[in-house]
Amino acid sequence: MLQKQYVLGAFALATLLTAGCSNKAAYEIMQSNKKEACERVAEGQAREDCMRGYERSFAEYERERNRAVGK
């Protein structure tokens, strides 16, 4: 089930990127999908831990991505 969500998320991301969607919008959609997955599969502390993994802002993500690709 979770794998299906990632496939659907990847498909949505690919569709948005080919449609000229901004990196920020694509990032936000992927984050939203991941958070929804946390809510479905986890309870209590496990859910909180899962959600905490997706608290990074787009600006932080962009800085890390640029550093990784050498920009």
PDB file of N, CA and C in Angstrom:
ATOM      1  N   MET A   1       0.820  -1.196   0.000  1.00  0.00           N
ATOM      2  CA  MET A   1       0.000   0.000   0.000  1.00  0.00           C
ATOM      3  C   MET A   1       0.860   1.254   0.000  1.00  0.00           C
ATOM      4  N   LEU A   2       1.871   1.257   0.873  1.00  0.00           N
ATOM      5  CA  LEU A   2       2.750   2.422   0.959  1.00  0.00           C
ATOM      6  C   LEU A   2       3.519   2.597  -0.345  1.00  0.00           C
ATOM      7  N   GLN A   3       3.930   1.479  -0.950  1.00  0.00           N
ATOM      8  CA  GLN A   3       4.655   1.558  -2.214  1.00  0.00           C
ATOM      9  C   GLN A   3       3.767   2.187  -3.287  1.00  0.00           C
ATOM     10  N   LYS A   4       2.485   1.850  -3.274  1.00  0.00           N
ATOM     11  CA  LYS A   4       1.545   2.432  -4.229  1.00  0.00           C
ATOM     12  C   LYS A   4       1.489   3.950  -4.061  1.00  0.00           C
ATOM     13  N   GLN A   5       1.520   4.426  -2.819  1.00  0.00           N
ATOM     14  CA  GLN A   5       1.482   5.864  -2.557  1.00  0.00           C
ATOM     15  C   GLN A   5       2.713   6.556  -3.138  1.00  0.00           C
ATOM     16  N   TYR A   6       3.883   5.927  -2.988  1.00  0.00           N
ATOM     17  CA  TYR A   6       5.100   6.513  -3.529  1.00  0.00           C
ATOM     18  C   TYR A   6       5.069   6.542  -5.053  1.00  0.00           C
ATOM     19  N   VAL A   7       4.522   5.491  -5.652  1.00  0.00           N
ATOM     20  CA  VAL A   7       4.407   5.460  -7.112  1.00  0.00           C
ATOM     21  C   VAL A   7       3.479   6.566  -7.581  1.00  0.00           C
ATOM     22  N   LEU A   8       2.341   6.707  -6.902  1.00  0.00           N
ATOM     23  CA  LEU A   8       1.403   7.769  -7.271  1.00  0.00           C
ATOM     24  C   LEU A   8       2.016   9.148  -7.056  1.00  0.00           C
ATOM     25  N   GLY A   9       2.745   9.305  -5.957  1.00  0.00           N
ATOM     26  CA  GLY A   9       3.418  10.574  -5.693  1.00  0.00           C
ATOM     27  C   GLY A   9       4.465  10.886  -6.742  1.00  0.00           C
ATOM     28  N   ALA A  10       5.238   9.880  -7.123  1.00  0.00           N
ATOM     29  CA  ALA A  10       6.260  10.077  -8.155  1.00  0.00           C
ATOM     30  C   ALA A  10       5.610  10.433  -9.483  1.00  0.00           C
ATOM     31  N   PHE A  11       4.513   9.781  -9.800  1.00  0.00           N
ATOM     32  CA  PHE A  11       3.792  10.092 -11.032  1.00  0.00           C
ATOM     33  C   PHE A  11       3.272  11.526 -11.005  1.00  0.00           C
ATOM     34  N   ALA A  12       2.712  11.923  -9.869  1.00  0.00           N
ATOM     35  CA  ALA A  12       2.202  13.291  -9.739  1.00  0.00           C
ATOM     36  C   ALA A  12       3.334  14.302  -9.886  1.00  0.00           C
ATOM     37  N   LEU A  13       4.460  13.997  -9.268  1.00  0.00           N
ATOM     38  CA  LEU A  13       5.617  14.894  -9.366  1.00  0.00           C
ATOM     39  C   LEU A  13       6.090  15.002 -10.803  1.00  0.00           C
ATOM     40  N   ALA A  14       6.207  13.887 -11.492  1.00  0.00           N
ATOM     41  CA  ALA A  14       6.650  13.905 -12.895  1.00  0.00           C
ATOM     42  C   ALA A  14       5.678  14.702 -13.753  1.00  0.00           C
ATOM     43  N   THR A  15       4.398  14.532 -13.509  1.00  0.00           N
ATOM     44  CA  THR A  15       3.380  15.266 -14.267  1.00  0.00           C
ATOM     45  C   THR A  15       3.510  16.765 -14.026  1.00  0.00           C
ATOM     46  N   LEU A  16       3.680  17.146 -12.781  1.00  0.00           N
ATOM     47  CA  LEU A  16       3.799  18.564 -12.455  1.00  0.00           C
ATOM     48  C   LEU A  16       5.061  19.181 -13.054  1.00  0.00           C
ATOM     49  N   LEU A  17       6.151  18.452 -12.982  1.00  0.00           N
ATOM     50  CA  LEU A  17       7.402  18.991 -13.504  1.00  0.00           C
ATOM     51  C   LEU A  17       7.348  19.158 -15.019  1.00  0.00           C
ATOM     52  N   THR A  18       6.727  18.227 -15.708  1.00  0.00           N
ATOM     53  CA  THR A  18       6.633  18.353 -17.159  1.00  0.00           C
ATOM     54  C   THR A  18       5.623  19.419 -17.553  1.00  0.00           C
ATOM     55  N   ALA A  19       4.720  19.746 -16.644  1.00  0.00           N
ATOM     56  CA  ALA A  19       3.733  20.789 -16.919  1.00  0.00           C
ATOM     57  C   ALA A  19       4.258  22.175 -16.565  1.00  0.00           C
ATOM     58  N   GLY A  20       5.503  22.272 -16.155  1.00  0.00           N
ATOM     59  CA  GLY A  20       6.082  23.567 -15.837  1.00  0.00           C
ATOM     60  C   GLY A  20       5.855  23.997 -14.401  1.00  0.00           C
ATOM     61  N   CYS A  21       5.511  23.088 -13.542  1.00  0.00           N
ATOM     62  CA  CYS A  21       5.292  23.412 -12.134  1.00  0.00           C
ATOM     63  C   CYS A  21       6.620  23.788 -11.481  1.00  0.00           C
ATOM     64  N   SER A  22       6.584  24.687 -10.530  1.00  0.00           N
ATOM     65  CA  SER A  22       7.808  25.112  -9.864  1.00  0.00           C
ATOM     66  C   SER A  22       8.343  24.025  -8.950  1.00  0.00           C
ATOM     67  N   ASN A  23       9.634  24.106  -8.656  1.00  0.00           N
ATOM     68  CA  ASN A  23      10.246  23.164  -7.723  1.00  0.00           C
ATOM     69  C   ASN A  23       9.570  23.232  -6.365  1.00  0.00           C
ATOM     70  N   LYS A  24       9.211  24.437  -5.951  1.00  0.00           N
ATOM     71  CA  LYS A  24       8.586  24.601  -4.645  1.00  0.00           C
ATOM     72  C   LYS A  24       7.237  23.898  -4.591  1.00  0.00           C
ATOM     73  N   ALA A  25       6.428  24.052  -5.609  1.00  0.00           N
ATOM     74  CA  ALA A  25       5.117  23.400  -5.630  1.00  0.00           C
ATOM     75  C   ALA A  25       5.267  21.884  -5.638  1.00  0.00           C
ATOM     76  N   ALA A  26       6.205  21.386  -6.408  1.00  0.00           N
ATOM     77  CA  ALA A  26       6.444  19.944  -6.458  1.00  0.00           C
ATOM     78  C   ALA A  26       6.897  19.435  -5.088  1.00  0.00           C
ATOM     79  N   TYR A  27       7.792  20.171  -4.438  1.00  0.00           N
ATOM     80  CA  TYR A  27       8.279  19.799  -3.110  1.00  0.00           C
ATOM     81  C   TYR A  27       7.126  19.746  -2.112  1.00  0.00           C
ATOM     82  N   GLU A  28       6.276  20.754  -2.147  1.00  0.00           N
ATOM     83  CA  GLU A  28       5.160  20.813  -1.214  1.00  0.00           C
ATOM     84  C   GLU A  28       4.178  19.667  -1.428  1.00  0.00           C
ATOM     85  N   ILE A  29       3.953  19.285  -2.674  1.00  0.00           N
ATOM     86  CA  ILE A  29       3.057  18.166  -2.961  1.00  0.00           C
ATOM     87  C   ILE A  29       3.648  16.865  -2.434  1.00  0.00           C
ATOM     88  N   MET A  30       4.932  16.658  -2.656  1.00  0.00           N
ATOM     89  CA  MET A  30       5.574  15.441  -2.164  1.00  0.00           C
ATOM     90  C   MET A  30       5.557  15.398  -0.634  1.00  0.00           C
ATOM     91  N   GLN A  31       5.819  16.522   0.014  1.00  0.00           N
ATOM     92  CA  GLN A  31       5.776  16.572   1.476  1.00  0.00           C
ATOM     93  C   GLN A  31       4.376  16.233   1.980  1.00  0.00           C
ATOM     94  N   SER A  32       3.375  16.774   1.325  1.00  0.00           N
ATOM     95  CA  SER A  32       1.994  16.515   1.716  1.00  0.00           C
ATOM     96  C   SER A  32       1.670  15.028   1.599  1.00  0.00           C
ATOM     97  N   ASN A  33       2.097  14.407   0.502  1.00  0.00           N
ATOM     98  CA  ASN A  33       1.854  12.975   0.314  1.00  0.00           C
ATOM     99  C   ASN A  33       2.548  12.153   1.397  1.00  0.00           C
ATOM    100  N   LYS A  34       3.762  12.517   1.743  1.00  0.00           N
ATOM    101  CA  LYS A  34       4.511  11.778   2.757  1.00  0.00           C
ATOM    102  C   LYS A  34       3.852  11.936   4.136  1.00  0.00           C
ATOM    103  N   LYS A  35       3.386  13.145   4.439  1.00  0.00           N
ATOM    104  CA  LYS A  35       2.712  13.370   5.722  1.00  0.00           C
ATOM    105  C   LYS A  35       1.420  12.568   5.811  1.00  0.00           C
ATOM    106  N   GLU A  36       0.680  12.505   4.714  1.00  0.00           N
ATOM    107  CA  GLU A  36      -0.548  11.707   4.702  1.00  0.00           C
ATOM    108  C   GLU A  36      -0.232  10.239   4.935  1.00  0.00           C
ATOM    109  N   ALA A  37       0.871   9.770   4.379  1.00  0.00           N
ATOM    110  CA  ALA A  37       1.283   8.378   4.591  1.00  0.00           C
ATOM    111  C   ALA A  37       1.596   8.143   6.069  1.00  0.00           C
ATOM    112  N   CYS A  38       2.238   9.099   6.712  1.00  0.00           N
ATOM    113  CA  CYS A  38       2.518   8.981   8.150  1.00  0.00           C
ATOM    114  C   CYS A  38       1.221   8.843   8.937  1.00  0.00           C
ATOM    115  N   GLU A  39       0.242   9.626   8.590  1.00  0.00           N
ATOM    116  CA  GLU A  39      -1.026   9.602   9.310  1.00  0.00           C
ATOM    117  C   GLU A  39      -1.756   8.279   9.143  1.00  0.00           C
ATOM    118  N   ARG A  40      -1.603   7.636   7.996  1.00  0.00           N
ATOM    119  CA  ARG A  40      -2.300   6.378   7.748  1.00  0.00           C
ATOM    120  C   ARG A  40      -1.634   5.178   8.402  1.00  0.00           C
ATOM    121  N   VAL A  41      -0.305   5.169   8.453  1.00  0.00           N
ATOM    122  CA  VAL A  41       0.375   3.953   8.894  1.00  0.00           C
ATOM    123  C   VAL A  41       0.882   3.996  10.327  1.00  0.00           C
ATOM    124  N   ALA A  42       0.912   5.132  10.937  1.00  0.00           N
ATOM    125  CA  ALA A  42       1.519   5.231  12.268  1.00  0.00           C
ATOM    126  C   ALA A  42       0.527   5.776  13.288  1.00  0.00           C
ATOM    127  N   GLU A  43       0.786   5.424  14.560  1.00  0.00           N
ATOM    128  CA  GLU A  43      -0.022   5.946  15.655  1.00  0.00           C
ATOM    129  C   GLU A  43       0.890   6.441  16.764  1.00  0.00           C
ATOM    130  N   GLY A  44       0.400   7.378  17.551  1.00  0.00           N
ATOM    131  CA  GLY A  44       1.113   7.865  18.725  1.00  0.00           C
ATOM    132  C   GLY A  44       2.495   8.413  18.430  1.00  0.00           C
ATOM    133  N   GLN A  45       3.463   7.940  19.199  1.00  0.00           N
ATOM    134  CA  GLN A  45       4.839   8.421  19.082  1.00  0.00           C
ATOM    135  C   GLN A  45       5.424   8.120  17.703  1.00  0.00           C
ATOM    136  N   ALA A  46       5.069   6.968  17.139  1.00  0.00           N
ATOM    137  CA  ALA A  46       5.574   6.606  15.816  1.00  0.00           C
ATOM    138  C   ALA A  46       5.109   7.621  14.773  1.00  0.00           C
ATOM    139  N   ARG A  47       3.867   8.070  14.899  1.00  0.00           N
ATOM    140  CA  ARG A  47       3.342   9.072  13.961  1.00  0.00           C
ATOM    141  C   ARG A  47       4.092  10.396  14.128  1.00  0.00           C
ATOM    142  N   GLU A  48       4.300  10.796  15.372  1.00  0.00           N
ATOM    143  CA  GLU A  48       5.022  12.048  15.629  1.00  0.00           C
ATOM    144  C   GLU A  48       6.443  11.986  15.058  1.00  0.00           C
ATOM    145  N   ASP A  49       7.109  10.854  15.238  1.00  0.00           N
ATOM    146  CA  ASP A  49       8.463  10.692  14.707  1.00  0.00           C
ATOM    147  C   ASP A  49       8.460  10.752  13.189  1.00  0.00           C
ATOM    148  N   CYS A  50       7.487  10.105  12.589  1.00  0.00           N
ATOM    149  CA  CYS A  50       7.365  10.115  11.130  1.00  0.00           C
ATOM    150  C   CYS A  50       7.143  11.544  10.619  1.00  0.00           C
ATOM    151  N   MET A  51       6.223  12.251  11.236  1.00  0.00           N
ATOM    152  CA  MET A  51       5.902  13.610  10.812  1.00  0.00           C
ATOM    153  C   MET A  51       7.089  14.549  10.995  1.00  0.00           C
ATOM    154  N   ARG A  52       7.853  14.352  12.053  1.00  0.00           N
ATOM    155  CA  ARG A  52       9.011  15.208  12.319  1.00  0.00           C
ATOM    156  C   ARG A  52      10.034  15.105  11.186  1.00  0.00           C
ATOM    157  N   GLY A  53      10.040  13.981  10.515  1.00  0.00           N
ATOM    158  CA  GLY A  53      10.957  13.803   9.403  1.00  0.00           C
ATOM    159  C   GLY A  53      10.637  14.675   8.200  1.00  0.00           C
ATOM    160  N   TYR A  54       9.462  15.292   8.205  1.00  0.00           N
ATOM    161  CA  TYR A  54       9.039  16.104   7.059  1.00  0.00           C
ATOM    162  C   TYR A  54       8.798  17.557   7.421  1.00  0.00           C
ATOM    163  N   GLU A  55       9.496  18.045   8.422  1.00  0.00           N
ATOM    164  CA  GLU A  55       9.332  19.429   8.858  1.00  0.00           C
ATOM    165  C   GLU A  55      10.268  20.404   8.144  1.00  0.00           C
ATOM    166  N   ARG A  56      11.150  19.917   7.314  1.00  0.00           N
ATOM    167  CA  ARG A  56      12.125  20.769   6.639  1.00  0.00           C
ATOM    168  C   ARG A  56      11.422  21.698   5.647  1.00  0.00           C
ATOM    169  N   SER A  57      11.745  22.965   5.696  1.00  0.00           N
ATOM    170  CA  SER A  57      11.140  23.941   4.791  1.00  0.00           C
ATOM    171  C   SER A  57      11.722  23.790   3.389  1.00  0.00           C
ATOM    172  N   PHE A  58      11.037  24.377   2.426  1.00  0.00           N
ATOM    173  CA  PHE A  58      11.545  24.331   1.055  1.00  0.00           C
ATOM    174  C   PHE A  58      12.889  25.038   0.951  1.00  0.00           C
ATOM    175  N   ALA A  59      13.055  26.141   1.656  1.00  0.00           N
ATOM    176  CA  ALA A  59      14.320  26.879   1.618  1.00  0.00           C
ATOM    177  C   ALA A  59      15.472  25.999   2.111  1.00  0.00           C
ATOM    178  N   GLU A  60      15.236  25.252   3.198  1.00  0.00           N
ATOM    179  CA  GLU A  60      16.269  24.347   3.712  1.00  0.00           C
ATOM    180  C   GLU A  60      16.569  23.245   2.697  1.00  0.00           C
ATOM    181  N   TYR A  61      15.510  22.686   2.130  1.00  0.00           N
ATOM    182  CA  TYR A  61      15.666  21.646   1.114  1.00  0.00           C
ATOM    183  C   TYR A  61      16.482  22.172  -0.071  1.00  0.00           C
ATOM    184  N   GLU A  62      16.139  23.352  -0.538  1.00  0.00           N
ATOM    185  CA  GLU A  62      16.813  23.948  -1.701  1.00  0.00           C
ATOM    186  C   GLU A  62      18.298  24.188  -1.411  1.00  0.00           C
ATOM    187  N   ARG A  63      18.626  24.674  -0.212  1.00  0.00           N
ATOM    188  CA  ARG A  63      20.034  24.876   0.156  1.00  0.00           C
ATOM    189  C   ARG A  63      20.796  23.550   0.145  1.00  0.00           C
ATOM    190  N   GLU A  64      20.191  22.527   0.740  1.00  0.00           N
ATOM    191  CA  GLU A  64      20.849  21.219   0.788  1.00  0.00           C
ATOM    192  C   GLU A  64      21.000  20.622  -0.612  1.00  0.00           C
ATOM    193  N   ARG A  65      19.973  20.789  -1.428  1.00  0.00           N
ATOM    194  CA  ARG A  65      20.012  20.261  -2.796  1.00  0.00           C
ATOM    195  C   ARG A  65      21.096  20.957  -3.608  1.00  0.00           C
ATOM    196  N   ASN A  66      21.166  22.274  -3.499  1.00  0.00           N
ATOM    197  CA  ASN A  66      22.187  23.022  -4.235  1.00  0.00           C
ATOM    198  C   ASN A  66      23.592  22.650  -3.779  1.00  0.00           C
ATOM    199  N   ARG A  67      23.762  22.448  -2.482  1.00  0.00           N
ATOM    200  CA  ARG A  67      25.058  22.032  -1.952  1.00  0.00           C
ATOM    201  C   ARG A  67      25.447  20.655  -2.493  1.00  0.00           C
ATOM    202  N   ALA A  68      24.469  19.758  -2.572  1.00  0.00           N
ATOM    203  CA  ALA A  68      24.723  18.390  -3.032  1.00  0.00           C
ATOM    204  C   ALA A  68      25.103  18.345  -4.516  1.00  0.00           C
ATOM    205  N   VAL A  69      24.514  19.222  -5.313  1.00  0.00           N
ATOM    206  CA  VAL A  69      24.817  19.215  -6.749  1.00  0.00           C
ATOM    207  C   VAL A  69      25.936  20.189  -7.103  1.00  0.00           C
ATOM    208  N   GLY A  70      26.483  20.849  -6.108  1.00  0.00           N
ATOM    209  CA  GLY A  70      27.633  21.724  -6.318  1.00  0.00           C
ATOM    210  C   GLY A  70      27.316  23.102  -6.852  1.00  0.00           C
ATOM    211  N   LYS A  71      26.154  23.628  -6.533  1.00  0.00           N
ATOM    212  CA  LYS A  71      25.796  24.989  -6.987  1.00  0.00           C
ATOM    213  C   LYS A  71      26.170  26.003  -5.937  1.00  0.00           C
TER     214      LYS A  71
END
